[in-house]
Amino acid sequence: MHIKILGPGCRNCTTLEAETRAAVQRLGLDATIEKVTAYPDIAAYGIMSTPGLVVDEEVLVSGRVPKQDEIVALLSR
C-alpha cells in the first residue's frame, strides 16, 4: 500500500500524517507513507484544498483531517 499526504506542511497536514501513521500501525499494514509538498504535484491530484489523503493513487480525503477511526475504515476497505 502506498499512502501520500498532500499538503505544504501546515498543522493540518502534520496532524493528518500523524493520524495516518497511527492508523497504519493500528491495522498492522505494510504501507509506505510519502509527504507530497510541491504545489504542482498536489494540483495534479485535482484537489482544491489541503490536506489530502491518497491511497494507491486514489484521493480518499481532501480539505479536512479525518479522525483516526475514519482513516482506519478507509484503509480497511
N, C-alpha and C. Protein backbone atom coordinates (compact mmCIF):
# COMPACT_ATOMS: atom_id res chain seq x y z
N MET A 1 0.85 -1.17 0.00
CA MET A 1 0.00 0.00 0.00
C MET A 1 0.89 1.23 0.00
N HIS A 2 0.56 2.18 -0.87
CA HIS A 2 1.32 3.43 -0.94
C HIS A 2 0.39 4.58 -0.59
N ILE A 3 0.73 5.28 0.49
CA ILE A 3 -0.09 6.37 1.00
C ILE A 3 0.65 7.69 0.82
N LYS A 4 -0.07 8.69 0.33
CA LYS A 4 0.52 10.02 0.18
C LYS A 4 -0.30 11.02 0.98
N ILE A 5 0.42 11.88 1.69
CA ILE A 5 -0.19 13.00 2.41
C ILE A 5 0.12 14.24 1.58
N LEU A 6 -0.92 14.88 1.07
CA LEU A 6 -0.74 16.05 0.23
C LEU A 6 -0.91 17.31 1.06
N GLY A 7 0.07 18.20 1.00
CA GLY A 7 -0.03 19.47 1.72
C GLY A 7 1.31 20.12 1.88
N PRO A 8 1.29 21.43 2.11
CA PRO A 8 2.53 22.19 2.20
C PRO A 8 3.30 22.02 3.51
N GLY A 9 2.72 21.33 4.47
CA GLY A 9 3.40 21.14 5.75
C GLY A 9 2.75 21.91 6.88
N CYS A 10 1.53 22.33 6.68
CA CYS A 10 0.79 23.08 7.70
C CYS A 10 0.42 22.15 8.87
N ARG A 11 -0.17 22.73 9.89
CA ARG A 11 -0.54 21.96 11.08
C ARG A 11 -1.51 20.83 10.73
N ASN A 12 -2.50 21.12 9.88
CA ASN A 12 -3.45 20.08 9.50
C ASN A 12 -2.77 18.94 8.73
N CYS A 13 -1.82 19.28 7.90
CA CYS A 13 -1.09 18.26 7.13
C CYS A 13 -0.28 17.37 8.08
N THR A 14 0.34 17.99 9.05
CA THR A 14 1.12 17.25 10.04
C THR A 14 0.21 16.35 10.88
N THR A 15 -0.96 16.87 11.24
CA THR A 15 -1.93 16.07 12.01
C THR A 15 -2.41 14.88 11.19
N LEU A 16 -2.72 15.11 9.91
CA LEU A 16 -3.17 14.02 9.05
C LEU A 16 -2.10 12.95 8.92
N GLU A 17 -0.86 13.37 8.79
CA GLU A 17 0.23 12.39 8.70
C GLU A 17 0.32 11.56 9.98
N ALA A 18 0.26 12.22 11.14
CA ALA A 18 0.35 11.51 12.41
C ALA A 18 -0.81 10.54 12.59
N GLU A 19 -2.03 10.97 12.27
CA GLU A 19 -3.20 10.11 12.40
C GLU A 19 -3.14 8.93 11.42
N THR A 20 -2.63 9.19 10.24
CA THR A 20 -2.50 8.11 9.24
C THR A 20 -1.46 7.10 9.69
N ARG A 21 -0.33 7.57 10.19
CA ARG A 21 0.71 6.65 10.69
C ARG A 21 0.16 5.79 11.84
N ALA A 22 -0.62 6.42 12.73
CA ALA A 22 -1.20 5.68 13.84
C ALA A 22 -2.20 4.64 13.33
N ALA A 23 -2.99 4.99 12.33
CA ALA A 23 -3.97 4.05 11.76
C ALA A 23 -3.27 2.87 11.09
N VAL A 24 -2.20 3.15 10.36
CA VAL A 24 -1.43 2.09 9.70
C VAL A 24 -0.86 1.14 10.74
N GLN A 25 -0.30 1.70 11.82
CA GLN A 25 0.26 0.87 12.88
C GLN A 25 -0.84 0.06 13.57
N ARG A 26 -1.96 0.70 13.82
CA ARG A 26 -3.09 0.03 14.47
C ARG A 26 -3.58 -1.17 13.65
N LEU A 27 -3.58 -1.03 12.33
CA LEU A 27 -4.02 -2.11 11.45
C LEU A 27 -2.91 -3.11 11.13
N GLY A 28 -1.67 -2.76 11.46
CA GLY A 28 -0.55 -3.64 11.16
C GLY A 28 -0.28 -3.76 9.67
N LEU A 29 -0.53 -2.68 8.93
CA LEU A 29 -0.36 -2.71 7.48
C LEU A 29 1.10 -2.52 7.07
N ASP A 30 1.41 -3.08 5.94
CA ASP A 30 2.71 -2.85 5.30
C ASP A 30 2.48 -1.72 4.31
N ALA A 31 2.79 -0.51 4.71
CA ALA A 31 2.49 0.65 3.88
C ALA A 31 3.66 1.62 3.85
N THR A 32 3.80 2.29 2.73
CA THR A 32 4.77 3.36 2.58
C THR A 32 4.00 4.67 2.66
N ILE A 33 4.48 5.60 3.49
CA ILE A 33 3.82 6.89 3.62
C ILE A 33 4.77 7.96 3.10
N GLU A 34 4.27 8.74 2.15
CA GLU A 34 5.07 9.77 1.49
C GLU A 34 4.39 11.12 1.65
N LYS A 35 5.18 12.14 1.94
CA LYS A 35 4.65 13.50 2.02
C LYS A 35 4.87 14.18 0.68
N VAL A 36 3.81 14.76 0.12
CA VAL A 36 3.90 15.49 -1.14
C VAL A 36 3.63 16.96 -0.82
N THR A 37 4.66 17.80 -0.99
CA THR A 37 4.54 19.20 -0.58
C THR A 37 4.59 20.19 -1.75
N ALA A 38 5.01 19.75 -2.92
CA ALA A 38 5.11 20.65 -4.07
C ALA A 38 3.72 20.91 -4.66
N TYR A 39 3.37 22.18 -4.80
CA TYR A 39 2.04 22.54 -5.29
C TYR A 39 1.69 21.92 -6.64
N PRO A 40 2.61 21.89 -7.62
CA PRO A 40 2.24 21.25 -8.89
C PRO A 40 1.88 19.77 -8.72
N ASP A 41 2.59 19.09 -7.83
CA ASP A 41 2.31 17.67 -7.58
C ASP A 41 0.96 17.49 -6.88
N ILE A 42 0.65 18.39 -5.95
CA ILE A 42 -0.64 18.34 -5.25
C ILE A 42 -1.77 18.63 -6.23
N ALA A 43 -1.59 19.65 -7.06
CA ALA A 43 -2.61 20.03 -8.03
C ALA A 43 -2.89 18.93 -9.04
N ALA A 44 -1.89 18.11 -9.31
CA ALA A 44 -2.06 17.01 -10.27
C ALA A 44 -3.13 16.02 -9.81
N TYR A 45 -3.42 15.99 -8.51
CA TYR A 45 -4.46 15.10 -7.99
C TYR A 45 -5.85 15.72 -8.06
N GLY A 46 -5.92 16.98 -8.46
CA GLY A 46 -7.21 17.63 -8.64
C GLY A 46 -7.88 18.10 -7.37
N ILE A 47 -7.15 18.17 -6.27
CA ILE A 47 -7.77 18.65 -5.04
C ILE A 47 -7.61 20.17 -4.95
N MET A 48 -8.61 20.80 -4.40
CA MET A 48 -8.63 22.26 -4.32
C MET A 48 -8.15 22.78 -2.97
N SER A 49 -8.21 21.93 -1.94
CA SER A 49 -7.73 22.37 -0.63
C SER A 49 -7.04 21.19 0.07
N THR A 50 -6.05 21.55 0.85
CA THR A 50 -5.27 20.54 1.57
C THR A 50 -5.73 20.51 3.02
N PRO A 51 -5.41 19.46 3.75
CA PRO A 51 -4.58 18.33 3.35
C PRO A 51 -5.38 17.32 2.52
N GLY A 52 -4.62 16.44 1.89
CA GLY A 52 -5.24 15.38 1.11
C GLY A 52 -4.64 14.03 1.48
N LEU A 53 -5.46 13.01 1.41
CA LEU A 53 -5.03 11.64 1.70
C LEU A 53 -5.24 10.82 0.43
N VAL A 54 -4.16 10.28 -0.09
CA VAL A 54 -4.19 9.48 -1.32
C VAL A 54 -3.67 8.08 -0.99
N VAL A 55 -4.44 7.07 -1.37
CA VAL A 55 -4.04 5.69 -1.14
C VAL A 55 -4.02 4.98 -2.49
N ASP A 56 -2.85 4.47 -2.84
CA ASP A 56 -2.68 3.77 -4.12
C ASP A 56 -3.24 4.60 -5.28
N GLU A 57 -2.88 5.89 -5.27
CA GLU A 57 -3.22 6.86 -6.32
C GLU A 57 -4.70 7.22 -6.39
N GLU A 58 -5.48 6.89 -5.36
CA GLU A 58 -6.88 7.29 -5.28
C GLU A 58 -7.05 8.30 -4.16
N VAL A 59 -7.58 9.48 -4.48
CA VAL A 59 -7.82 10.51 -3.48
C VAL A 59 -9.01 10.08 -2.63
N LEU A 60 -8.77 9.90 -1.33
CA LEU A 60 -9.82 9.47 -0.42
C LEU A 60 -10.40 10.62 0.39
N VAL A 61 -9.55 11.59 0.73
CA VAL A 61 -10.00 12.73 1.56
C VAL A 61 -9.25 13.97 1.10
N SER A 62 -9.94 15.09 1.07
CA SER A 62 -9.25 16.36 0.81
C SER A 62 -9.94 17.48 1.55
N GLY A 63 -9.15 18.44 1.98
CA GLY A 63 -9.67 19.63 2.63
C GLY A 63 -10.04 19.50 4.09
N ARG A 64 -9.74 18.36 4.69
CA ARG A 64 -10.06 18.18 6.12
C ARG A 64 -9.17 17.08 6.69
N VAL A 65 -9.16 17.02 8.02
CA VAL A 65 -8.41 15.98 8.72
C VAL A 65 -9.41 15.00 9.32
N PRO A 66 -9.51 13.80 8.76
CA PRO A 66 -10.43 12.81 9.32
C PRO A 66 -9.90 12.27 10.64
N LYS A 67 -10.82 11.80 11.47
CA LYS A 67 -10.43 11.14 12.72
C LYS A 67 -9.73 9.82 12.40
N GLN A 68 -8.94 9.35 13.34
CA GLN A 68 -8.20 8.11 13.14
C GLN A 68 -9.11 6.94 12.80
N ASP A 69 -10.28 6.86 13.44
CA ASP A 69 -11.21 5.77 13.16
C ASP A 69 -11.68 5.79 11.71
N GLU A 70 -11.89 6.99 11.15
CA GLU A 70 -12.29 7.09 9.75
C GLU A 70 -11.15 6.63 8.83
N ILE A 71 -9.93 7.01 9.18
CA ILE A 71 -8.77 6.59 8.38
C ILE A 71 -8.64 5.07 8.42
N VAL A 72 -8.82 4.48 9.60
CA VAL A 72 -8.78 3.03 9.74
C VAL A 72 -9.81 2.39 8.81
N ALA A 73 -11.03 2.93 8.80
CA ALA A 73 -12.09 2.40 7.94
C ALA A 73 -11.72 2.53 6.47
N LEU A 74 -11.14 3.66 6.08
CA LEU A 74 -10.76 3.87 4.69
C LEU A 74 -9.64 2.90 4.26
N LEU A 75 -8.71 2.67 5.15
CA LEU A 75 -7.58 1.80 4.83
C LEU A 75 -7.96 0.32 4.86
N SER A 76 -9.06 0.01 5.53
CA SER A 76 -9.50 -1.38 5.67
C SER A 76 -10.32 -1.88 4.49
N ARG A 77 -10.77 -0.98 3.65
CA ARG A 77 -11.65 -1.42 2.55
C ARG A 77 -10.92 -2.04 1.40
